[in-house]
């Protein structure tokens, strides 16, 4: 594995403060978001920290699609939505879309 992919903070978690604090207790690097307007500044910090995977709370993920799409051509970071309620519909749809693009079938 190339050295630039061996990252200290390979996982970043962005979400509402009440959601991400539990991840912080487990030792993950968290970025609490109080207002959607903060996303650009937080994303700059995530990129500076060289996170490989960025978990985004699903409602935030949906509201910042343009920003996320501007990084799709780069290998890192990979943006993955998560639900604070445990529902995986959004992630399931993303995986189906990737599979369809890769194989032509679902």
PDB file of N, CA and C in Angstrom:
ATOM      1  N   UNK A   1       0.847  -1.176   0.000  1.00  0.00           N
ATOM      2  CA  UNK A   1       0.000   0.000   0.000  1.00  0.00           C
ATOM      3  C   UNK A   1       0.891   1.238   0.000  1.00  0.00           C
ATOM      4  N   UNK A   2       0.608   2.209  -0.896  1.00  0.00           N
ATOM      5  CA  UNK A   2       1.420   3.424  -0.919  1.00  0.00           C
ATOM      6  C   UNK A   2       1.371   4.163   0.412  1.00  0.00           C
ATOM      7  N   UNK A   3       2.495   4.779   0.752  1.00  0.00           N
ATOM      8  CA  UNK A   3       2.584   5.488   2.035  1.00  0.00           C
ATOM      9  C   UNK A   3       1.527   6.570   2.188  1.00  0.00           C
ATOM     10  N   UNK A   4       1.162   7.246   1.073  1.00  0.00           N
ATOM     11  CA  UNK A   4       0.179   8.327   1.198  1.00  0.00           C
ATOM     12  C   UNK A   4      -1.202   7.813   1.571  1.00  0.00           C
ATOM     13  N   UNK A   5      -1.433   6.493   1.444  1.00  0.00           N
ATOM     14  CA  UNK A   5      -2.719   5.931   1.837  1.00  0.00           C
ATOM     15  C   UNK A   5      -2.714   5.406   3.269  1.00  0.00           C
ATOM     16  N   UNK A   6      -1.555   5.369   3.898  1.00  0.00           N
ATOM     17  CA  UNK A   6      -1.470   4.963   5.301  1.00  0.00           C
ATOM     18  C   UNK A   6      -1.712   6.198   6.156  1.00  0.00           C
ATOM     19  N   UNK A   7      -2.918   6.359   6.579  1.00  0.00           N
ATOM     20  CA  UNK A   7      -3.324   7.599   7.222  1.00  0.00           C
ATOM     21  C   UNK A   7      -3.647   7.397   8.685  1.00  0.00           C
ATOM     22  N   UNK A   8      -3.245   8.379   9.482  1.00  0.00           N
ATOM     23  CA  UNK A   8      -3.568   8.335  10.906  1.00  0.00           C
ATOM     24  C   UNK A   8      -5.063   8.474  11.134  1.00  0.00           C
ATOM     25  N   UNK A   9      -5.641   9.473  10.520  1.00  0.00           N
ATOM     26  CA  UNK A   9      -7.070   9.750  10.678  1.00  0.00           C
ATOM     27  C   UNK A   9      -7.793   9.320   9.416  1.00  0.00           C
ATOM     28  N   UNK A  10      -7.881   8.037   9.194  1.00  0.00           N
ATOM     29  CA  UNK A  10      -8.452   7.573   7.936  1.00  0.00           C
ATOM     30  C   UNK A  10      -9.971   7.634   7.919  1.00  0.00           C
ATOM     31  N   UNK A  11     -10.600   7.920   9.047  1.00  0.00           N
ATOM     32  CA  UNK A  11     -12.053   7.990   9.104  1.00  0.00           C
ATOM     33  C   UNK A  11     -12.482   9.297   9.755  1.00  0.00           C
ATOM     34  N   UNK A  12     -13.304  10.046   9.042  1.00  0.00           N
ATOM     35  CA  UNK A  12     -13.877  11.287   9.570  1.00  0.00           C
ATOM     36  C   UNK A  12     -15.383  11.111   9.639  1.00  0.00           C
ATOM     37  N   UNK A  13     -15.991  11.612  10.685  1.00  0.00           N
ATOM     38  CA  UNK A  13     -17.435  11.484  10.860  1.00  0.00           C
ATOM     39  C   UNK A  13     -18.025  12.881  11.030  1.00  0.00           C
ATOM     40  N   UNK A  14     -18.937  13.230  10.110  1.00  0.00           N
ATOM     41  CA  UNK A  14     -19.579  14.542  10.125  1.00  0.00           C
ATOM     42  C   UNK A  14     -21.067  14.350  10.374  1.00  0.00           C
ATOM     43  N   UNK A  15     -21.571  15.079  11.349  1.00  0.00           N
ATOM     44  CA  UNK A  15     -22.998  14.988  11.644  1.00  0.00           C
ATOM     45  C   UNK A  15     -23.380  15.961  12.735  1.00  0.00           C
ATOM     46  N   UNK A  16     -24.633  15.920  13.104  1.00  0.00           N
ATOM     47  CA  UNK A  16     -25.098  16.749  14.213  1.00  0.00           C
ATOM     48  C   UNK A  16     -24.348  16.353  15.476  1.00  0.00           C
ATOM     49  N   UNK A  17     -24.107  17.325  16.323  1.00  0.00           N
ATOM     50  CA  UNK A  17     -23.296  17.101  17.522  1.00  0.00           C
ATOM     51  C   UNK A  17     -23.813  15.945  18.372  1.00  0.00           C
ATOM     52  N   UNK A  18     -25.113  15.861  18.559  1.00  0.00           N
ATOM     53  CA  UNK A  18     -25.666  14.794  19.397  1.00  0.00           C
ATOM     54  C   UNK A  18     -25.455  13.408  18.787  1.00  0.00           C
ATOM     55  N   UNK A  19     -25.272  13.345  17.484  1.00  0.00           N
ATOM     56  CA  UNK A  19     -25.072  12.061  16.803  1.00  0.00           C
ATOM     57  C   UNK A  19     -23.601  11.646  16.818  1.00  0.00           C
ATOM     58  N   UNK A  20     -22.691  12.582  16.572  1.00  0.00           N
ATOM     59  CA  UNK A  20     -21.280  12.219  16.411  1.00  0.00           C
ATOM     60  C   UNK A  20     -20.513  12.079  17.722  1.00  0.00           C
ATOM     61  N   UNK A  21     -21.027  12.610  18.807  1.00  0.00           N
ATOM     62  CA  UNK A  21     -20.286  12.530  20.069  1.00  0.00           C
ATOM     63  C   UNK A  21     -20.070  11.090  20.527  1.00  0.00           C
ATOM     64  N   UNK A  22     -20.998  10.213  20.208  1.00  0.00           N
ATOM     65  CA  UNK A  22     -20.814   8.799  20.540  1.00  0.00           C
ATOM     66  C   UNK A  22     -19.620   8.205  19.818  1.00  0.00           C
ATOM     67  N   UNK A  23     -19.401   8.625  18.574  1.00  0.00           N
ATOM     68  CA  UNK A  23     -18.244   8.156  17.815  1.00  0.00           C
ATOM     69  C   UNK A  23     -16.947   8.687  18.425  1.00  0.00           C
ATOM     70  N   UNK A  24     -17.004   9.912  18.928  1.00  0.00           N
ATOM     71  CA  UNK A  24     -15.821  10.505  19.557  1.00  0.00           C
ATOM     72  C   UNK A  24     -15.416   9.695  20.785  1.00  0.00           C
ATOM     73  N   UNK A  25     -16.404   9.231  21.534  1.00  0.00           N
ATOM     74  CA  UNK A  25     -16.122   8.416  22.718  1.00  0.00           C
ATOM     75  C   UNK A  25     -15.410   7.119  22.347  1.00  0.00           C
ATOM     76  N   UNK A  26     -15.606   6.677  21.103  1.00  0.00           N
ATOM     77  CA  UNK A  26     -14.944   5.457  20.626  1.00  0.00           C
ATOM     78  C   UNK A  26     -13.581   5.738  20.002  1.00  0.00           C
ATOM     79  N   UNK A  27     -13.179   7.008  19.990  1.00  0.00           N
ATOM     80  CA  UNK A  27     -11.859   7.366  19.501  1.00  0.00           C
ATOM     81  C   UNK A  27     -11.795   7.830  18.056  1.00  0.00           C
ATOM     82  N   UNK A  28     -12.929   8.003  17.404  1.00  0.00           N
ATOM     83  CA  UNK A  28     -12.934   8.463  16.023  1.00  0.00           C
ATOM     84  C   UNK A  28     -12.826   9.978  15.959  1.00  0.00           C
ATOM     85  N   UNK A  29     -12.308  10.479  14.844  1.00  0.00           N
ATOM     86  CA  UNK A  29     -12.225  11.920  14.611  1.00  0.00           C
ATOM     87  C   UNK A  29     -13.595  12.392  14.142  1.00  0.00           C
ATOM     88  N   UNK A  30     -14.221  13.268  14.908  1.00  0.00           N
ATOM     89  CA  UNK A  30     -15.566  13.733  14.576  1.00  0.00           C
ATOM     90  C   UNK A  30     -15.557  15.231  14.290  1.00  0.00           C
ATOM     91  N   UNK A  31     -16.501  15.623  13.456  1.00  0.00           N
ATOM     92  CA  UNK A  31     -16.664  17.013  13.063  1.00  0.00           C
ATOM     93  C   UNK A  31     -18.131  17.381  13.257  1.00  0.00           C
ATOM     94  N   UNK A  32     -18.488  17.904  14.433  1.00  0.00           N
ATOM     95  CA  UNK A  32     -19.884  18.278  14.679  1.00  0.00           C
ATOM     96  C   UNK A  32     -20.300  19.441  13.778  1.00  0.00           C
ATOM     97  N   UNK A  33     -21.469  19.323  13.221  1.00  0.00           N
ATOM     98  CA  UNK A  33     -21.998  20.342  12.323  1.00  0.00           C
ATOM     99  C   UNK A  33     -23.246  20.940  12.964  1.00  0.00           C
ATOM    100  N   UNK A  34     -23.180  22.229  13.269  1.00  0.00           N
ATOM    101  CA  UNK A  34     -24.327  22.889  13.899  1.00  0.00           C
ATOM    102  C   UNK A  34     -25.252  23.506  12.864  1.00  0.00           C
ATOM    103  N   UNK A  35     -24.684  23.967  11.746  1.00  0.00           N
ATOM    104  CA  UNK A  35     -25.461  24.576  10.672  1.00  0.00           C
ATOM    105  C   UNK A  35     -24.921  24.078   9.338  1.00  0.00           C
ATOM    106  N   UNK A  36     -25.787  23.861   8.347  1.00  0.00           N
ATOM    107  CA  UNK A  36     -25.328  23.375   7.040  1.00  0.00           C
ATOM    108  C   UNK A  36     -24.268  24.274   6.398  1.00  0.00           C
ATOM    109  N   UNK A  37     -24.297  25.563   6.705  1.00  0.00           N
ATOM    110  CA  UNK A  37     -23.325  26.490   6.128  1.00  0.00           C
ATOM    111  C   UNK A  37     -21.903  26.186   6.586  1.00  0.00           C
ATOM    112  N   UNK A  38     -21.747  25.441   7.657  1.00  0.00           N
ATOM    113  CA  UNK A  38     -20.425  25.095   8.177  1.00  0.00           C
ATOM    114  C   UNK A  38     -19.753  23.991   7.369  1.00  0.00           C
ATOM    115  N   UNK A  39     -20.496  23.328   6.486  1.00  0.00           N
ATOM    116  CA  UNK A  39     -19.962  22.148   5.816  1.00  0.00           C
ATOM    117  C   UNK A  39     -18.687  22.439   5.033  1.00  0.00           C
ATOM    118  N   UNK A  40     -18.631  23.542   4.298  1.00  0.00           N
ATOM    119  CA  UNK A  40     -17.433  23.847   3.500  1.00  0.00           C
ATOM    120  C   UNK A  40     -16.199  23.968   4.388  1.00  0.00           C
ATOM    121  N   UNK A  41     -16.325  24.649   5.507  1.00  0.00           N
ATOM    122  CA  UNK A  41     -15.190  24.813   6.416  1.00  0.00           C
ATOM    123  C   UNK A  41     -14.787  23.477   7.024  1.00  0.00           C
ATOM    124  N   UNK A  42     -15.771  22.680   7.395  1.00  0.00           N
ATOM    125  CA  UNK A  42     -15.475  21.366   7.974  1.00  0.00           C
ATOM    126  C   UNK A  42     -14.845  20.461   6.928  1.00  0.00           C
ATOM    127  N   UNK A  43     -15.339  20.515   5.695  1.00  0.00           N
ATOM    128  CA  UNK A  43     -14.767  19.703   4.626  1.00  0.00           C
ATOM    129  C   UNK A  43     -13.310  20.075   4.385  1.00  0.00           C
ATOM    130  N   UNK A  44     -12.993  21.352   4.436  1.00  0.00           N
ATOM    131  CA  UNK A  44     -11.603  21.789   4.280  1.00  0.00           C
ATOM    132  C   UNK A  44     -10.725  21.181   5.369  1.00  0.00           C
ATOM    133  N   UNK A  45     -11.237  21.119   6.580  1.00  0.00           N
ATOM    134  CA  UNK A  45     -10.490  20.520   7.689  1.00  0.00           C
ATOM    135  C   UNK A  45     -10.317  19.012   7.489  1.00  0.00           C
ATOM    136  N   UNK A  46     -11.369  18.344   7.016  1.00  0.00           N
ATOM    137  CA  UNK A  46     -11.305  16.902   6.739  1.00  0.00           C
ATOM    138  C   UNK A  46     -10.250  16.627   5.670  1.00  0.00           C
ATOM    139  N   UNK A  47     -10.224  17.446   4.626  1.00  0.00           N
ATOM    140  CA  UNK A  47      -9.237  17.272   3.558  1.00  0.00           C
ATOM    141  C   UNK A  47      -7.829  17.535   4.074  1.00  0.00           C
ATOM    142  N   UNK A  48      -7.680  18.546   4.923  1.00  0.00           N
ATOM    143  CA  UNK A  48      -6.371  18.848   5.511  1.00  0.00           C
ATOM    144  C   UNK A  48      -5.881  17.686   6.375  1.00  0.00           C
ATOM    145  N   UNK A  49      -6.812  17.040   7.067  1.00  0.00           N
ATOM    146  CA  UNK A  49      -6.467  15.895   7.915  1.00  0.00           C
ATOM    147  C   UNK A  49      -6.279  14.607   7.114  1.00  0.00           C
ATOM    148  N   UNK A  50      -6.499  14.675   5.803  1.00  0.00           N
ATOM    149  CA  UNK A  50      -6.289  13.557   4.876  1.00  0.00           C
ATOM    150  C   UNK A  50      -7.115  12.325   5.221  1.00  0.00           C
ATOM    151  N   UNK A  51      -8.371  12.540   5.529  1.00  0.00           N
ATOM    152  CA  UNK A  51      -9.260  11.412   5.815  1.00  0.00           C
ATOM    153  C   UNK A  51      -9.515  10.630   4.533  1.00  0.00           C
ATOM    154  N   UNK A  52      -9.507   9.307   4.644  1.00  0.00           N
ATOM    155  CA  UNK A  52      -9.772   8.443   3.492  1.00  0.00           C
ATOM    156  C   UNK A  52     -11.267   8.215   3.313  1.00  0.00           C
ATOM    157  N   UNK A  53     -11.980   8.073   4.415  1.00  0.00           N
ATOM    158  CA  UNK A  53     -13.423   7.831   4.387  1.00  0.00           C
ATOM    159  C   UNK A  53     -14.093   8.892   5.244  1.00  0.00           C
ATOM    160  N   UNK A  54     -15.146   9.463   4.699  1.00  0.00           N
ATOM    161  CA  UNK A  54     -15.898  10.487   5.414  1.00  0.00           C
ATOM    162  C   UNK A  54     -17.335  10.009   5.560  1.00  0.00           C
ATOM    163  N   UNK A  55     -17.709   9.648   6.782  1.00  0.00           N
ATOM    164  CA  UNK A  55     -19.091   9.267   7.060  1.00  0.00           C
ATOM    165  C   UNK A  55     -19.890  10.536   7.305  1.00  0.00           C
ATOM    166  N   UNK A  56     -20.981  10.673   6.558  1.00  0.00           N
ATOM    167  CA  UNK A  56     -21.827  11.857   6.670  1.00  0.00           C
ATOM    168  C   UNK A  56     -23.225  11.454   7.089  1.00  0.00           C
ATOM    169  N   UNK A  57     -23.749  12.128   8.077  1.00  0.00           N
ATOM    170  CA  UNK A  57     -25.138  11.895   8.478  1.00  0.00           C
ATOM    171  C   UNK A  57     -26.022  12.109   7.251  1.00  0.00           C
ATOM    172  N   UNK A  58     -26.978  11.223   7.013  1.00  0.00           N
ATOM    173  CA  UNK A  58     -27.720  11.195   5.751  1.00  0.00           C
ATOM    174  C   UNK A  58     -28.408  12.503   5.375  1.00  0.00           C
ATOM    175  N   UNK A  59     -28.998  13.207   6.321  1.00  0.00           N
ATOM    176  CA  UNK A  59     -29.657  14.463   5.957  1.00  0.00           C
ATOM    177  C   UNK A  59     -28.648  15.523   5.523  1.00  0.00           C
ATOM    178  N   UNK A  60     -27.461  15.497   6.102  1.00  0.00           N
ATOM    179  CA  UNK A  60     -26.389  16.401   5.676  1.00  0.00           C
ATOM    180  C   UNK A  60     -25.895  15.979   4.297  1.00  0.00           C
ATOM    181  N   UNK A  61     -25.691  14.674   4.116  1.00  0.00           N
ATOM    182  CA  UNK A  61     -25.256  14.130   2.828  1.00  0.00           C
ATOM    183  C   UNK A  61     -26.182  14.611   1.715  1.00  0.00           C
ATOM    184  N   UNK A  62     -27.481  14.545   1.953  1.00  0.00           N
ATOM    185  CA  UNK A  62     -28.458  14.966   0.942  1.00  0.00           C
ATOM    186  C   UNK A  62     -28.388  16.459   0.647  1.00  0.00           C
ATOM    187  N   UNK A  63     -28.060  17.261   1.636  1.00  0.00           N
ATOM    188  CA  UNK A  63     -28.075  18.713   1.450  1.00  0.00           C
ATOM    189  C   UNK A  63     -26.779  19.274   0.862  1.00  0.00           C
ATOM    190  N   UNK A  64     -25.724  18.468   0.778  1.00  0.00           N
ATOM    191  CA  UNK A  64     -24.434  18.958   0.266  1.00  0.00           C
ATOM    192  C   UNK A  64     -23.961  18.159  -0.951  1.00  0.00           C
ATOM    193  N   UNK A  65     -24.895  17.641  -1.724  1.00  0.00           N
ATOM    194  CA  UNK A  65     -24.552  16.818  -2.884  1.00  0.00           C
ATOM    195  C   UNK A  65     -23.617  17.520  -3.867  1.00  0.00           C
ATOM    196  N   UNK A  66     -23.820  18.803  -4.123  1.00  0.00           N
ATOM    197  CA  UNK A  66     -22.955  19.511  -5.070  1.00  0.00           C
ATOM    198  C   UNK A  66     -21.509  19.518  -4.594  1.00  0.00           C
ATOM    199  N   UNK A  67     -21.308  19.769  -3.318  1.00  0.00           N
ATOM    200  CA  UNK A  67     -19.952  19.753  -2.760  1.00  0.00           C
ATOM    201  C   UNK A  67     -19.333  18.357  -2.863  1.00  0.00           C
ATOM    202  N   UNK A  68     -20.094  17.354  -2.494  1.00  0.00           N
ATOM    203  CA  UNK A  68     -19.604  15.973  -2.535  1.00  0.00           C
ATOM    204  C   UNK A  68     -19.257  15.579  -3.965  1.00  0.00           C
ATOM    205  N   UNK A  69     -20.125  15.919  -4.905  1.00  0.00           N
ATOM    206  CA  UNK A  69     -19.900  15.551  -6.300  1.00  0.00           C
ATOM    207  C   UNK A  69     -18.635  16.165  -6.874  1.00  0.00           C
ATOM    208  N   UNK A  70     -18.209  17.301  -6.351  1.00  0.00           N
ATOM    209  CA  UNK A  70     -16.985  17.928  -6.852  1.00  0.00           C
ATOM    210  C   UNK A  70     -15.734  17.130  -6.482  1.00  0.00           C
ATOM    211  N   UNK A  71     -15.862  16.166  -5.568  1.00  0.00           N
ATOM    212  CA  UNK A  71     -14.731  15.329  -5.164  1.00  0.00           C
ATOM    213  C   UNK A  71     -14.827  13.905  -5.704  1.00  0.00           C
ATOM    214  N   UNK A  72     -15.855  13.600  -6.477  1.00  0.00           N
ATOM    215  CA  UNK A  72     -16.075  12.237  -6.973  1.00  0.00           C
ATOM    216  C   UNK A  72     -14.934  11.735  -7.852  1.00  0.00           C
ATOM    217  N   UNK A  73     -14.255  12.625  -8.565  1.00  0.00           N
ATOM    218  CA  UNK A  73     -13.180  12.191  -9.459  1.00  0.00           C
ATOM    219  C   UNK A  73     -11.882  11.881  -8.713  1.00  0.00           C
ATOM    220  N   UNK A  74     -11.803  12.266  -7.460  1.00  0.00           N
ATOM    221  CA  UNK A  74     -10.607  12.000  -6.656  1.00  0.00           C
ATOM    222  C   UNK A  74     -10.728  10.646  -5.965  1.00  0.00           C
ATOM    223  N   UNK A  75      -9.599   9.971  -5.744  1.00  0.00           N
ATOM    224  CA  UNK A  75      -9.674   8.672  -5.060  1.00  0.00           C
ATOM    225  C   UNK A  75     -10.084   8.790  -3.593  1.00  0.00           C
ATOM    226  N   UNK A  76      -9.721   9.887  -2.950  1.00  0.00           N
ATOM    227  CA  UNK A  76     -10.040  10.099  -1.541  1.00  0.00           C
ATOM    228  C   UNK A  76     -10.455  11.547  -1.327  1.00  0.00           C
ATOM    229  N   UNK A  77     -11.326  11.804  -0.425  1.00  0.00           N
ATOM    230  CA  UNK A  77     -12.021  10.883   0.466  1.00  0.00           C
ATOM    231  C   UNK A  77     -13.241  10.254  -0.214  1.00  0.00           C
ATOM    232  N   UNK A  78     -13.648   9.139   0.326  1.00  0.00           N
ATOM    233  CA  UNK A  78     -14.874   8.472  -0.090  1.00  0.00           C
ATOM    234  C   UNK A  78     -15.967   8.917   0.879  1.00  0.00           C
ATOM    235  N   UNK A  79     -17.067   9.399   0.352  1.00  0.00           N
ATOM    236  CA  UNK A  79     -18.172   9.877   1.181  1.00  0.00           C
ATOM    237  C   UNK A  79     -19.226   8.786   1.307  1.00  0.00           C
ATOM    238  N   UNK A  80     -19.569   8.445   2.545  1.00  0.00           N
ATOM    239  CA  UNK A  80     -20.545   7.388   2.818  1.00  0.00           C
ATOM    240  C   UNK A  80     -21.592   7.940   3.782  1.00  0.00           C
ATOM    241  N   UNK A  81     -22.867   7.893   3.388  1.00  0.00           N
ATOM    242  CA  UNK A  81     -23.910   8.374   4.297  1.00  0.00           C
ATOM    243  C   UNK A  81     -24.226   7.345   5.375  1.00  0.00           C
ATOM    244  N   UNK A  82     -24.631   7.837   6.528  1.00  0.00           N
ATOM    245  CA  UNK A  82     -25.131   6.941   7.574  1.00  0.00           C
ATOM    246  C   UNK A  82     -26.384   7.564   8.167  1.00  0.00           C
ATOM    247  N   UNK A  83     -27.232   6.727   8.704  1.00  0.00           N
ATOM    248  CA  UNK A  83     -28.492   7.193   9.274  1.00  0.00           C
ATOM    249  C   UNK A  83     -28.437   7.100  10.788  1.00  0.00           C
ATOM    250  N   UNK A  84     -28.866   8.145  11.446  1.00  0.00           N
ATOM    251  CA  UNK A  84     -28.893   8.099  12.905  1.00  0.00           C
ATOM    252  C   UNK A  84     -30.003   7.191  13.410  1.00  0.00           C
ATOM    253  N   UNK A  85     -30.934   6.825  12.517  1.00  0.00           N
ATOM    254  CA  UNK A  85     -32.034   5.940  12.912  1.00  0.00           C
ATOM    255  C   UNK A  85     -31.781   4.491  12.531  1.00  0.00           C
ATOM    256  N   UNK A  86     -30.693   4.233  11.821  1.00  0.00           N
ATOM    257  CA  UNK A  86     -30.381   2.862  11.428  1.00  0.00           C
ATOM    258  C   UNK A  86     -30.944   2.452  10.084  1.00  0.00           C
ATOM    259  N   UNK A  87     -31.758   3.307   9.447  1.00  0.00           N
ATOM    260  CA  UNK A  87     -32.272   2.992   8.116  1.00  0.00           C
ATOM    261  C   UNK A  87     -31.151   3.133   7.096  1.00  0.00           C
ATOM    262  N   UNK A  88     -31.120   2.226   6.124  1.00  0.00           N
ATOM    263  CA  UNK A  88     -30.021   2.224   5.160  1.00  0.00           C
ATOM    264  C   UNK A  88     -30.479   2.473   3.729  1.00  0.00           C
ATOM    265  N   UNK A  89     -31.666   3.031   3.533  1.00  0.00           N
ATOM    266  CA  UNK A  89     -32.193   3.232   2.185  1.00  0.00           C
ATOM    267  C   UNK A  89     -31.247   4.032   1.293  1.00  0.00           C
ATOM    268  N   UNK A  90     -30.717   5.125   1.787  1.00  0.00           N
ATOM    269  CA  UNK A  90     -29.834   5.967   0.987  1.00  0.00           C
ATOM    270  C   UNK A  90     -28.578   5.210   0.593  1.00  0.00           C
ATOM    271  N   UNK A  91     -27.947   4.552   1.547  1.00  0.00           N
ATOM    272  CA  UNK A  91     -26.742   3.787   1.254  1.00  0.00           C
ATOM    273  C   UNK A  91     -27.049   2.644   0.294  1.00  0.00           C
ATOM    274  N   UNK A  92     -28.171   1.969   0.479  1.00  0.00           N
ATOM    275  CA  UNK A  92     -28.563   0.896  -0.437  1.00  0.00           C
ATOM    276  C   UNK A  92     -28.707   1.421  -1.859  1.00  0.00           C
ATOM    277  N   UNK A  93     -29.319   2.583  -2.017  1.00  0.00           N
ATOM    278  CA  UNK A  93     -29.489   3.163  -3.349  1.00  0.00           C
ATOM    279  C   UNK A  93     -28.155   3.540  -3.982  1.00  0.00           C
ATOM    280  N   UNK A  94     -27.229   4.048  -3.190  1.00  0.00           N
ATOM    281  CA  UNK A  94     -25.907   4.397  -3.703  1.00  0.00           C
ATOM    282  C   UNK A  94     -25.180   3.140  -4.165  1.00  0.00           C
ATOM    283  N   UNK A  95     -25.248   2.082  -3.371  1.00  0.00           N
ATOM    284  CA  UNK A  95     -24.588   0.826  -3.739  1.00  0.00           C
ATOM    285  C   UNK A  95     -25.209   0.249  -5.009  1.00  0.00           C
ATOM    286  N   UNK A  96     -26.531   0.300  -5.133  1.00  0.00           N
ATOM    287  CA  UNK A  96     -27.194  -0.180  -6.352  1.00  0.00           C
ATOM    288  C   UNK A  96     -26.742   0.622  -7.565  1.00  0.00           C
ATOM    289  N   UNK A  97     -26.615   1.941  -7.415  1.00  0.00           N
ATOM    290  CA  UNK A  97     -26.175   2.790  -8.512  1.00  0.00           C
ATOM    291  C   UNK A  97     -24.750   2.447  -8.934  1.00  0.00           C
ATOM    292  N   UNK A  98     -23.870   2.236  -7.972  1.00  0.00           N
ATOM    293  CA  UNK A  98     -22.484   1.862  -8.277  1.00  0.00           C
ATOM    294  C   UNK A  98     -22.451   0.516  -8.989  1.00  0.00           C
ATOM    295  N   UNK A  99     -23.223  -0.434  -8.486  1.00  0.00           N
ATOM    296  CA  UNK A  99     -23.264  -1.762  -9.103  1.00  0.00           C
ATOM    297  C   UNK A  99     -23.802  -1.681 -10.529  1.00  0.00           C
ATOM    298  N   UNK A 100     -24.836  -0.884 -10.746  1.00  0.00           N
ATOM    299  CA  UNK A 100     -25.408  -0.722 -12.077  1.00  0.00           C
ATOM    300  C   UNK A 100     -24.385  -0.120 -13.037  1.00  0.00           C
ATOM    301  N   UNK A 101     -23.656   0.888 -12.586  1.00  0.00           N
ATOM    302  CA  UNK A 101     -22.632   1.506 -13.426  1.00  0.00           C
ATOM    303  C   UNK A 101     -21.503   0.528 -13.739  1.00  0.00           C
ATOM    304  N   UNK A 102     -21.141  -0.298 -12.773  1.00  0.00           N
ATOM    305  CA  UNK A 102     -20.022  -1.224 -12.953  1.00  0.00           C
ATOM    306  C   UNK A 102     -20.383  -2.439 -13.798  1.00  0.00           C
ATOM    307  N   UNK A 103     -21.598  -2.957 -13.625  1.00  0.00           N
ATOM    308  CA  UNK A 103     -21.942  -4.225 -14.276  1.00  0.00           C
ATOM    309  C   UNK A 103     -23.045  -4.107 -15.317  1.00  0.00           C
ATOM    310  N   UNK A 104     -23.790  -3.033 -15.284  1.00  0.00           N
ATOM    311  CA  UNK A 104     -24.909  -2.881 -16.202  1.00  0.00           C
ATOM    312  C   UNK A 104     -26.191  -3.514 -15.704  1.00  0.00           C
ATOM    313  N   UNK A 105     -26.137  -4.193 -14.555  1.00  0.00           N
ATOM    314  CA  UNK A 105     -27.331  -4.805 -13.963  1.00  0.00           C
ATOM    315  C   UNK A 105     -27.330  -4.569 -12.462  1.00  0.00           C
ATOM    316  N   UNK A 106     -28.492  -4.759 -11.873  1.00  0.00           N
ATOM    317  CA  UNK A 106     -28.591  -4.606 -10.410  1.00  0.00           C
ATOM    318  C   UNK A 106     -28.585  -5.959  -9.762  1.00  0.00           C
TER     319      UNK A 106
END
